[in-house]
Amino acid sequence: MARLRKKACVALFLFTLFIFGTMMGLRTLKPSDGFSDLAPGLKLLPVAAERMDRRSVSSEVVVSPIHVHAITDTKVVYTNSNPEGDIYYDVHIFYYTWFGTPKLDGKYIHWDHVLVPHWDPKIAASYPKGRHTPPEDIGSSFYPELGPYSSRDPDILESHMEQLRAAAAGVLVLSWYPPGMADDNGEPTEDLVPSLLNAAHRHGIKVAFHIQPYKGRTDRTVHDNIKYIIDKYGNHGAFYRFKTSTGKILPLFYIYDSYLTPPEDWANLLSSSGSHSLRKTPYDGVFISLIVEERHKDDIVSGGFDGMYTYFASNGFSFGSSHQNWKAIKTFCDINNLMFIPSVGPGYIDTSIRPWNNHNTRNRVNGKYYETSLQAALMVRPEIVTITSFNEWHEGTQIEAALPKKTLTRMYLDYLPHKPDLYLELTRKWAEQFNKEKEQWLM
C-alpha cells in the first residue's frame, strides 16, 4: 500500500511539473498587464456601413483604405495588391539601413553595438559592459543568413527585396533620419534612400518613411523633413501614396516617439488652422502617431494626427502593444475617424544589447507567438497591419532569414527545426489570410 502511495505521489509530481512547464511555455502568447520597467522610447468593431467607399484605381498609384482625419467626408479608393496579386500593400514592415562592414563602410556599424547600461547605476554594476566584436560576436541573439552585412551593399538590398516579396509585404517602412543625422550608434544613411527606392521599385515594393526622434526634432523641423522627402522622392515610382476619390494623392508617414512633442505643437503642423500647417498644401499627407500609453490617445486626436500605430513587438510592454487593448483602441479610433494600425512581431529579445532586460523577452515558440499576434491584429479588422520588423536584429524582432551558429563564446538562437525563411513564409500566409478576410469585411 505504501509503495502504491509512493508511485501515486511520483506520478502527481511529474504531472504537476508537466503542467508548470506547459504554462511557462505558453506565457509568451498571452497579454501582460501594465507597463514594463523598460523606459518607453528605447527601441525596443466591424461595421460595414461605416466603411468608406472603395473602388479600384490604376496600379500606377498604390493606395490603401484609410480614414482621412483632416479632410472631412473624403472617400477613399484603393487597391490592396500589385498587378500580379502576389504582394499586398496593406502589409507594412519596418526596415533599417543602419548596418555597416569594414569592406564598404570602413568599419562595422551597429553589428558592434554597445552593451547599453541600465539607468540605475546599482543595477548596471551587475551586468557586463563594452561592445560586440563582429563578425563572430554581433549585437544580436540571432545570426543573419547573409552574415553581418552592409546596408550599402547592392546585393544585400536585392536579397532583401526578394525576401520581402517572398513574404508578400508590399510596403517597406524605412527608418529615416535627416541628412547628416543618425541614431546614437550609427552613421548617416540618408544618401542610401535612392538606391533603396530603386531596388524596391524593381520588385514592385513601395516605400514609406518612419521619421525617427532625432536630436532637436520639433513640429517645425518635421515640416521641413516632410517637404524635403516629398520634393526629393515624391515622384519616384516606389514612393508610397494613397489616392482619394476626390483626386487627392497623399503619402503616409509614421512618426516614431511622437509623444515627445506636445500635442499643441503637432496641431500647429497637422491641424488645418495651424501656424505652419501642412493641410491642403502640396505637402499634406497621412500622419500616423505612436501610441505607447493610454493617455496618448487624446493627445493624438488633439495633435491632428490621422491615426496611430503600436510598433513594439513585446506583447504587454506598453498599453499600445498589448493585444488585449487593441479592440478598445480600434473603437476609439473609429469614433474619432482615425486609423488604427496594430504592429505585430515574431518575438522580442534584446538582451544582446540590454542584458538587464530579460523580463521583456517574448519567446518565438516556433512561430506560434507571431501567429498569435497576427490573429489578434486581424480580429480588430484594421485597414493596415505593420510588422516589427524585417531586420531589427538587436531586438530580435526580425523576420529576415537567420541560420544556426555557434562560436567559441556564443550560441545564437535560430529558427530550427524550421527553415531560415520560416517567418517569411508565415508572413505570406497571414498576408493572404488578411486580404481574404478583408474582402468579406467589405461586403
Protein backbone atom coordinates (compact mmCIF):
# COMPACT_ATOMS: atom_id res chain seq x y z
CA MET A 1 0.00 0.00 0.00
CA ALA A 2 2.87 2.35 0.89
CA ARG A 3 4.55 1.52 -2.45
CA LEU A 4 1.31 2.35 -4.25
CA ARG A 5 1.08 5.70 -2.46
CA LYS A 6 4.69 6.42 -3.35
CA LYS A 7 4.03 5.73 -7.04
CA ALA A 8 0.95 7.93 -6.94
CA CYS A 9 2.94 10.77 -5.41
CA VAL A 10 5.65 10.45 -8.06
CA ALA A 11 3.04 10.45 -10.83
CA LEU A 12 1.34 13.52 -9.31
CA PHE A 13 4.69 15.33 -9.07
CA LEU A 14 5.55 14.59 -12.71
CA PHE A 15 2.10 15.69 -13.85
CA THR A 16 2.41 18.94 -11.88
CA LEU A 17 5.86 19.53 -13.39
CA PHE A 18 4.45 18.98 -16.89
CA ILE A 19 1.61 21.46 -16.31
CA PHE A 20 4.03 24.05 -14.93
CA GLY A 21 6.37 23.67 -17.91
CA THR A 22 3.48 23.96 -20.36
CA MET A 23 2.18 27.13 -18.71
CA MET A 24 5.64 28.72 -18.75
CA GLY A 25 5.97 27.93 -22.45
CA LEU A 26 2.61 29.48 -23.22
CA ARG A 27 3.07 32.63 -21.14
CA THR A 28 4.63 34.43 -24.10
CA LEU A 29 1.41 34.01 -26.05
CA LYS A 30 -0.74 35.84 -23.51
CA PRO A 31 -1.16 39.56 -22.92
CA SER A 32 0.54 41.07 -19.92
CA ASP A 33 -0.98 43.76 -17.76
CA GLY A 34 0.50 47.22 -17.38
CA PHE A 35 3.90 48.70 -18.22
CA SER A 36 7.24 47.01 -18.05
CA ASP A 37 10.27 48.59 -16.46
CA LEU A 38 11.84 49.45 -19.81
CA ALA A 39 11.57 53.16 -20.39
CA PRO A 40 9.36 53.98 -23.41
CA GLY A 41 11.34 55.39 -26.27
CA LEU A 42 14.03 52.74 -26.08
CA LYS A 43 13.78 50.79 -29.31
CA LEU A 44 12.63 48.49 -28.45
CA LEU A 45 -15.73 46.61 -34.43
CA PRO A 46 -16.71 45.69 -37.66
CA VAL A 47 -19.49 47.97 -39.01
CA ALA A 48 -19.61 47.68 -42.76
CA ALA A 49 -21.85 50.71 -43.14
CA GLU A 50 -19.23 52.96 -41.55
CA ARG A 51 -16.53 52.00 -44.01
CA MET A 52 -15.65 54.37 -46.81
CA ASP A 53 -16.36 53.89 -50.48
CA ARG A 54 -13.74 51.63 -52.05
CA ARG A 55 -13.22 51.48 -55.79
CA SER A 56 -10.18 50.19 -57.63
CA VAL A 57 -7.76 52.62 -59.24
CA SER A 58 -4.84 52.45 -61.62
CA SER A 59 -1.92 50.43 -60.29
CA GLU A 60 0.30 53.40 -61.10
CA VAL A 61 -0.69 54.79 -57.70
CA VAL A 62 -0.71 52.36 -54.80
CA VAL A 63 -3.38 53.06 -52.27
CA SER A 64 -4.96 51.52 -49.20
CA PRO A 65 -8.27 52.22 -47.46
CA ILE A 66 -7.96 54.90 -44.77
CA HIS A 67 -9.86 57.30 -42.60
CA VAL A 68 -8.68 60.80 -43.54
CA HIS A 69 -8.88 62.73 -40.27
CA ALA A 70 -8.10 66.16 -41.67
CA ILE A 71 -10.28 66.06 -44.78
CA THR A 72 -13.93 65.72 -43.82
CA ASP A 73 -16.06 63.17 -45.69
CA THR A 74 -13.25 62.24 -48.06
CA LYS A 75 -13.94 58.82 -49.51
CA VAL A 76 -11.01 56.61 -50.35
CA VAL A 77 -10.32 54.35 -53.28
CA TYR A 78 -7.66 51.70 -53.20
CA THR A 79 -6.03 48.59 -54.48
CA ASN A 80 -4.56 46.16 -51.97
CA SER A 81 -2.10 44.31 -54.17
CA ASN A 82 0.24 44.68 -57.12
CA PRO A 83 -0.95 43.74 -60.63
CA GLU A 84 0.33 40.17 -60.18
CA GLY A 85 -1.57 39.86 -56.89
CA ASP A 86 1.36 38.32 -55.03
CA ILE A 87 2.25 41.17 -52.64
CA TYR A 88 -0.06 43.27 -50.51
CA TYR A 89 0.18 47.00 -49.92
CA ASP A 90 -1.78 46.86 -46.67
CA VAL A 91 1.07 44.88 -45.08
CA HIS A 92 3.79 47.32 -43.96
CA ILE A 93 7.12 46.26 -42.47
CA PHE A 94 9.68 48.31 -40.54
CA TYR A 95 13.14 48.31 -42.13
CA TYR A 96 16.61 49.56 -41.07
CA THR A 97 19.59 50.69 -43.16
CA TRP A 98 22.00 51.32 -40.29
CA PHE A 99 24.31 48.29 -40.78
CA GLY A 100 27.90 48.59 -42.00
CA THR A 101 31.02 46.48 -42.61
CA PRO A 102 34.74 47.30 -42.97
CA LYS A 103 34.68 46.46 -46.68
CA LEU A 104 32.05 49.01 -47.65
CA ASP A 105 31.89 51.36 -44.68
CA GLY A 106 35.40 51.26 -43.24
CA LYS A 107 34.23 49.60 -40.02
CA TYR A 108 31.43 47.55 -38.54
CA ILE A 109 28.39 49.68 -37.82
CA HIS A 110 25.63 48.52 -35.47
CA TRP A 111 26.78 44.88 -35.56
CA ASP A 112 29.32 46.00 -32.93
CA HIS A 113 26.56 47.56 -30.81
CA VAL A 114 27.49 48.77 -27.34
CA LEU A 115 26.07 46.99 -24.28
CA VAL A 116 23.61 49.62 -23.08
CA PRO A 117 23.95 50.22 -19.32
CA HIS A 118 20.88 50.24 -17.10
CA TRP A 119 19.84 53.74 -16.00
CA ASP A 120 20.16 52.67 -12.33
CA PRO A 121 23.92 52.55 -11.55
CA LYS A 122 23.40 49.87 -8.89
CA ILE A 123 21.70 47.56 -11.41
CA ALA A 124 24.16 48.48 -14.16
CA ALA A 125 27.06 47.35 -11.98
CA SER A 126 25.75 43.77 -12.12
CA TYR A 127 25.95 43.47 -15.91
CA PRO A 128 28.80 43.35 -18.46
CA LYS A 129 29.99 46.46 -20.26
CA GLY A 130 31.69 47.11 -23.58
CA ARG A 131 30.63 46.33 -27.13
CA HIS A 132 30.39 43.41 -29.54
CA THR A 133 33.24 42.31 -31.82
CA PRO A 134 31.96 41.16 -35.24
CA PRO A 135 31.88 39.09 -37.30
CA GLU A 136 31.69 36.20 -34.80
CA ASP A 137 30.23 38.25 -31.96
CA ILE A 138 27.40 40.57 -33.09
CA GLY A 139 24.82 42.67 -31.29
CA SER A 140 22.00 40.20 -31.77
CA SER A 141 20.71 36.96 -30.26
CA PHE A 142 20.23 35.60 -33.81
CA TYR A 143 22.67 35.40 -36.72
CA PRO A 144 21.63 36.54 -40.23
CA GLU A 145 21.80 34.06 -43.08
CA LEU A 146 23.57 36.78 -45.10
CA GLY A 147 26.12 37.30 -42.32
CA PRO A 148 26.78 40.73 -40.77
CA TYR A 149 26.17 42.83 -43.87
CA SER A 150 26.39 46.41 -45.05
CA SER A 151 23.18 48.22 -45.92
CA ARG A 152 25.17 49.83 -48.75
CA ASP A 153 25.76 46.52 -50.49
CA PRO A 154 23.61 46.38 -53.68
CA ASP A 155 23.47 42.58 -53.44
CA ILE A 156 22.10 42.82 -49.91
CA LEU A 157 19.42 45.28 -51.00
CA GLU A 158 18.45 42.94 -53.81
CA SER A 159 18.28 39.96 -51.47
CA HIS A 160 16.16 41.91 -49.01
CA MET A 161 13.67 42.90 -51.70
CA GLU A 162 13.46 39.27 -52.79
CA GLN A 163 12.75 38.25 -49.21
CA LEU A 164 10.12 40.96 -48.81
CA ARG A 165 8.43 39.82 -51.98
CA ALA A 166 8.53 36.22 -50.76
CA ALA A 167 6.82 37.45 -47.59
CA ALA A 168 4.16 39.32 -49.65
CA ALA A 169 4.86 42.51 -47.66
CA GLY A 170 4.20 45.32 -50.12
CA VAL A 171 5.35 48.40 -48.18
CA LEU A 172 8.80 48.82 -46.65
CA VAL A 173 8.68 51.42 -43.86
CA LEU A 174 12.13 52.97 -43.80
CA SER A 175 13.64 54.17 -40.53
CA TRP A 176 14.62 57.70 -41.56
CA TYR A 177 16.90 60.42 -40.20
CA PRO A 178 17.52 63.78 -41.93
CA PRO A 179 20.75 64.22 -43.94
CA GLY A 180 23.82 64.21 -41.71
CA MET A 181 21.97 62.70 -38.74
CA ALA A 182 21.83 59.19 -37.28
CA ASP A 183 20.96 57.23 -34.14
CA ASP A 184 23.44 57.16 -31.25
CA ASN A 185 25.16 54.01 -32.53
CA GLY A 186 25.11 54.62 -36.27
CA GLU A 187 26.23 56.82 -39.15
CA PRO A 188 24.11 58.95 -41.51
CA THR A 189 22.39 56.85 -44.18
CA GLU A 190 20.01 59.28 -45.90
CA ASP A 191 22.16 59.01 -49.03
CA LEU A 192 21.08 55.35 -49.32
CA VAL A 193 17.43 56.24 -49.96
CA PRO A 194 17.73 56.49 -53.78
CA SER A 195 19.33 53.03 -54.01
CA LEU A 196 16.68 51.60 -51.71
CA LEU A 197 13.86 53.13 -53.74
CA ASN A 198 15.35 51.79 -56.98
CA ALA A 199 15.73 48.27 -55.55
CA ALA A 200 12.19 48.33 -54.18
CA HIS A 201 10.80 49.55 -57.49
CA ARG A 202 12.40 46.64 -59.36
CA HIS A 203 10.40 44.26 -57.16
CA GLY A 204 7.09 46.14 -57.08
CA ILE A 205 7.60 47.15 -53.45
CA LYS A 206 6.66 50.59 -52.13
CA VAL A 207 8.50 52.68 -49.54
CA ALA A 208 7.01 54.77 -46.72
CA PHE A 209 9.02 56.82 -44.21
CA HIS A 210 9.35 56.23 -40.46
CA ILE A 211 10.58 59.55 -39.05
CA GLN A 212 12.82 58.93 -36.05
CA PRO A 213 13.22 61.13 -32.93
CA TYR A 214 16.49 62.73 -33.95
CA LYS A 215 18.12 65.34 -31.71
CA GLY A 216 16.28 68.64 -31.95
CA ARG A 217 13.15 67.23 -33.66
CA THR A 218 10.18 69.60 -33.40
CA ASP A 219 6.98 70.19 -35.32
CA ARG A 220 8.85 72.82 -37.37
CA THR A 221 11.74 70.52 -38.26
CA VAL A 222 9.26 67.77 -39.21
CA HIS A 223 7.58 70.30 -41.51
CA ASP A 224 10.94 70.71 -43.24
CA ASN A 225 11.50 66.93 -43.26
CA ILE A 226 8.19 66.26 -44.98
CA LYS A 227 8.88 68.94 -47.56
CA TYR A 228 12.38 67.52 -48.19
CA ILE A 229 11.15 63.93 -48.58
CA ILE A 230 8.29 64.80 -50.92
CA ASP A 231 10.36 67.20 -53.01
CA LYS A 232 13.22 64.73 -53.37
CA TYR A 233 11.47 61.38 -53.59
CA GLY A 234 7.80 62.08 -54.21
CA ASN A 235 8.00 61.41 -57.96
CA HIS A 236 9.77 58.06 -57.60
CA GLY A 237 7.77 55.03 -58.67
CA ALA A 238 8.38 53.30 -55.34
CA PHE A 239 7.12 56.22 -53.21
CA TYR A 240 4.05 55.02 -51.29
CA ARG A 241 0.88 57.11 -51.53
CA PHE A 242 -2.86 56.99 -51.02
CA LYS A 243 -5.22 58.23 -53.68
CA THR A 244 -8.60 59.57 -52.60
CA SER A 245 -11.82 59.56 -54.61
CA THR A 246 -11.58 63.36 -54.76
CA GLY A 247 -8.30 63.00 -56.62
CA LYS A 248 -6.01 63.81 -53.70
CA ILE A 249 -2.80 61.79 -53.53
CA LEU A 250 -1.41 61.52 -50.01
CA PRO A 251 1.86 60.00 -48.81
CA LEU A 252 1.82 58.22 -45.45
CA PHE A 253 4.33 58.92 -42.67
CA TYR A 254 4.89 57.10 -39.38
CA ILE A 255 6.19 59.39 -36.59
CA TYR A 256 8.14 57.40 -34.00
CA ASP A 257 8.06 58.58 -30.36
CA SER A 258 5.62 61.30 -31.36
CA TYR A 259 4.62 61.71 -27.70
CA LEU A 260 7.94 63.52 -27.07
CA THR A 261 6.44 66.61 -28.74
CA PRO A 262 3.41 68.30 -27.08
CA PRO A 263 0.10 67.84 -28.93
CA GLU A 264 -0.39 71.60 -29.24
CA ASP A 265 2.87 71.76 -31.21
CA TRP A 266 1.77 68.94 -33.51
CA ALA A 267 -1.52 70.80 -34.03
CA ASN A 268 0.44 73.72 -35.49
CA LEU A 269 1.63 71.30 -38.18
CA LEU A 270 -1.31 68.93 -38.61
CA SER A 271 -4.49 70.92 -37.98
CA SER A 272 -5.91 72.97 -40.83
CA SER A 273 -5.65 76.17 -38.77
CA GLY A 274 -2.09 75.52 -37.57
CA SER A 275 0.53 78.27 -37.87
CA HIS A 276 2.59 76.18 -40.31
CA SER A 277 0.01 73.61 -41.31
CA LEU A 278 0.69 71.03 -44.00
CA ARG A 279 -3.03 70.54 -44.60
CA LYS A 280 -4.36 71.48 -48.04
CA THR A 281 -0.83 72.13 -49.26
CA PRO A 282 1.32 70.10 -51.69
CA TYR A 283 2.90 68.53 -48.58
CA ASP A 284 -0.26 67.19 -46.98
CA GLY A 285 -0.24 63.53 -46.04
CA VAL A 286 -1.49 60.83 -43.71
CA PHE A 287 0.40 61.13 -40.42
CA ILE A 288 0.46 58.16 -38.03
CA SER A 289 1.43 58.66 -34.39
CA LEU A 290 2.91 56.11 -31.96
CA ILE A 291 0.62 55.14 -29.09
CA VAL A 292 2.51 53.92 -26.02
CA GLU A 293 0.42 54.91 -23.01
CA GLU A 294 -3.38 55.07 -22.85
CA ARG A 295 -3.30 58.84 -22.24
CA HIS A 296 -1.67 59.30 -25.63
CA LYS A 297 -4.99 58.61 -27.38
CA ASP A 298 -6.44 62.05 -26.65
CA ASP A 299 -3.10 63.72 -27.41
CA ILE A 300 -3.10 62.07 -30.83
CA VAL A 301 -6.56 63.45 -31.57
CA SER A 302 -5.76 66.98 -30.38
CA GLY A 303 -2.43 66.91 -32.23
CA GLY A 304 -4.24 66.46 -35.55
CA PHE A 305 -2.85 63.04 -36.45
CA ASP A 306 -4.68 60.74 -38.86
CA GLY A 307 -4.09 57.52 -36.95
CA MET A 308 -1.96 55.56 -34.51
CA TYR A 309 0.33 52.53 -34.58
CA THR A 310 1.82 50.43 -31.76
CA TYR A 311 5.32 49.42 -33.03
CA PHE A 312 6.57 47.29 -30.11
CA ALA A 313 6.70 43.53 -30.68
CA SER A 314 6.71 42.71 -26.96
CA ASN A 315 3.09 41.98 -26.04
CA GLY A 316 2.38 43.62 -22.69
CA PHE A 317 5.33 46.01 -22.85
CA SER A 318 3.06 49.04 -23.22
CA PHE A 319 -0.63 49.84 -23.30
CA GLY A 320 -0.49 50.21 -27.08
CA SER A 321 1.40 46.99 -27.73
CA SER A 322 -0.85 44.84 -25.51
CA HIS A 323 -3.14 42.75 -27.69
CA GLN A 324 -5.89 42.83 -25.09
CA ASN A 325 -6.23 46.61 -25.58
CA TRP A 326 -6.48 46.64 -29.36
CA LYS A 327 -10.26 46.31 -29.54
CA ALA A 328 -10.73 49.35 -27.28
CA ILE A 329 -8.13 51.35 -29.22
CA LYS A 330 -9.80 50.45 -32.52
CA THR A 331 -13.19 51.55 -31.18
CA PHE A 332 -11.69 54.86 -30.03
CA CYS A 333 -10.16 55.35 -33.47
CA ASP A 334 -13.42 54.59 -35.26
CA ILE A 335 -15.26 57.14 -33.10
CA ASN A 336 -12.63 59.78 -33.83
CA ASN A 337 -12.26 58.98 -37.54
CA LEU A 338 -8.68 57.72 -37.12
CA MET A 339 -6.82 54.72 -38.49
CA PHE A 340 -5.66 52.07 -36.04
CA ILE A 341 -2.61 50.22 -37.32
CA PRO A 342 -1.58 47.39 -34.97
CA SER A 343 2.05 46.26 -35.06
CA VAL A 344 2.88 42.57 -34.79
CA GLY A 345 6.19 40.78 -34.43
CA PRO A 346 7.67 37.27 -34.30
CA GLY A 347 9.09 37.73 -30.79
CA TYR A 348 11.36 40.00 -28.81
CA ILE A 349 14.79 39.58 -27.24
CA ASP A 350 17.23 42.46 -26.84
CA THR A 351 19.49 41.03 -24.12
CA SER A 352 22.46 41.06 -26.51
CA ILE A 353 22.47 44.87 -26.19
CA ARG A 354 20.40 45.35 -23.00
CA PRO A 355 21.49 42.40 -20.84
CA TRP A 356 19.29 43.58 -17.95
CA ASN A 357 16.04 43.49 -19.98
CA ASN A 358 15.24 39.79 -19.90
CA HIS A 359 11.77 40.42 -18.44
CA ASN A 360 10.62 41.88 -21.77
CA THR A 361 11.73 38.84 -23.79
CA ARG A 362 8.95 37.14 -25.74
CA ASN A 363 9.89 33.68 -26.97
CA ARG A 364 9.06 32.83 -30.57
CA VAL A 365 7.70 29.36 -29.73
CA ASN A 366 8.50 28.12 -33.27
CA GLY A 367 6.30 30.79 -34.86
CA LYS A 368 3.32 30.50 -32.51
CA TYR A 369 3.92 33.90 -30.91
CA TYR A 370 3.91 35.53 -34.36
CA GLU A 371 0.74 33.80 -35.46
CA THR A 372 -1.00 34.68 -32.20
CA SER A 373 -0.04 38.34 -32.74
CA LEU A 374 -1.26 38.29 -36.33
CA GLN A 375 -4.55 36.71 -35.31
CA ALA A 376 -5.02 39.39 -32.63
CA ALA A 377 -4.43 42.10 -35.24
CA LEU A 378 -6.93 40.66 -37.70
CA MET A 379 -9.59 40.39 -35.02
CA VAL A 380 -9.88 44.20 -34.89
CA ARG A 381 -10.28 44.45 -38.66
CA PRO A 382 -7.59 47.04 -39.39
CA GLU A 383 -7.02 48.71 -42.75
CA ILE A 384 -3.26 48.12 -42.47
CA VAL A 385 -1.08 45.80 -40.40
CA THR A 386 2.54 46.68 -39.60
CA ILE A 387 5.27 44.13 -38.90
CA THR A 388 8.07 44.81 -36.42
CA SER A 389 10.37 44.10 -38.14
CA PHE A 390 12.25 42.97 -41.22
CA ASN A 391 15.74 43.46 -39.81
CA GLU A 392 15.86 44.99 -36.32
CA TRP A 393 18.38 42.32 -35.27
CA HIS A 394 19.31 43.99 -31.97
CA GLU A 395 15.82 43.48 -30.55
CA GLY A 396 15.29 40.05 -32.08
CA THR A 397 12.16 41.13 -33.96
CA GLN A 398 13.47 40.31 -37.44
CA ILE A 399 11.68 38.07 -39.92
CA GLU A 400 14.75 38.14 -42.20
CA ALA A 401 16.30 34.72 -42.77
CA ALA A 402 18.56 33.53 -39.93
CA LEU A 403 20.74 30.47 -39.56
CA PRO A 404 22.10 28.37 -36.68
CA LYS A 405 25.56 29.47 -35.50
CA LYS A 406 27.86 28.55 -32.64
CA THR A 407 31.23 30.13 -31.85
CA LEU A 408 33.72 29.68 -29.02
CA THR A 409 31.89 32.32 -26.99
CA ARG A 410 28.36 32.49 -28.44
CA MET A 411 25.46 30.17 -29.11
CA TYR A 412 22.98 32.05 -31.29
CA LEU A 413 19.26 31.39 -31.36
CA ASP A 414 17.78 30.16 -34.64
CA TYR A 415 14.54 29.10 -36.33
CA LEU A 416 15.12 25.35 -36.06
CA PRO A 417 13.50 22.88 -36.57
CA HIS A 418 12.18 25.10 -39.37
CA LYS A 419 13.99 26.60 -42.33
CA PRO A 420 15.74 30.00 -42.27
CA ASP A 421 12.80 31.54 -44.16
CA LEU A 422 10.11 30.36 -41.69
CA TYR A 423 8.93 33.88 -40.84
CA LEU A 424 8.82 34.96 -44.46
CA GLU A 425 6.51 32.04 -45.17
CA LEU A 426 4.32 32.80 -42.15
CA THR A 427 4.07 36.44 -43.21
CA ARG A 428 2.86 35.46 -46.67
CA LYS A 429 0.35 33.01 -45.21
CA TRP A 430 -1.16 35.69 -42.97
CA ALA A 431 -0.98 38.45 -45.59
CA GLU A 432 -3.10 36.26 -47.85
CA GLN A 433 -5.46 35.47 -44.97
CA PHE A 434 -5.73 39.17 -44.09
CA ASN A 435 -6.79 40.09 -47.60
CA LYS A 436 -9.25 37.20 -47.87
CA GLU A 437 -10.90 38.28 -44.63
CA LYS A 438 -10.86 41.93 -45.67
CA GLU A 439 -12.89 41.09 -48.80
CA GLN A 440 -15.55 39.61 -46.53
CA TRP A 441 -15.48 42.60 -44.14
CA LEU A 442 -16.23 44.95 -47.02
CA MET A 443 -19.18 43.00 -48.39
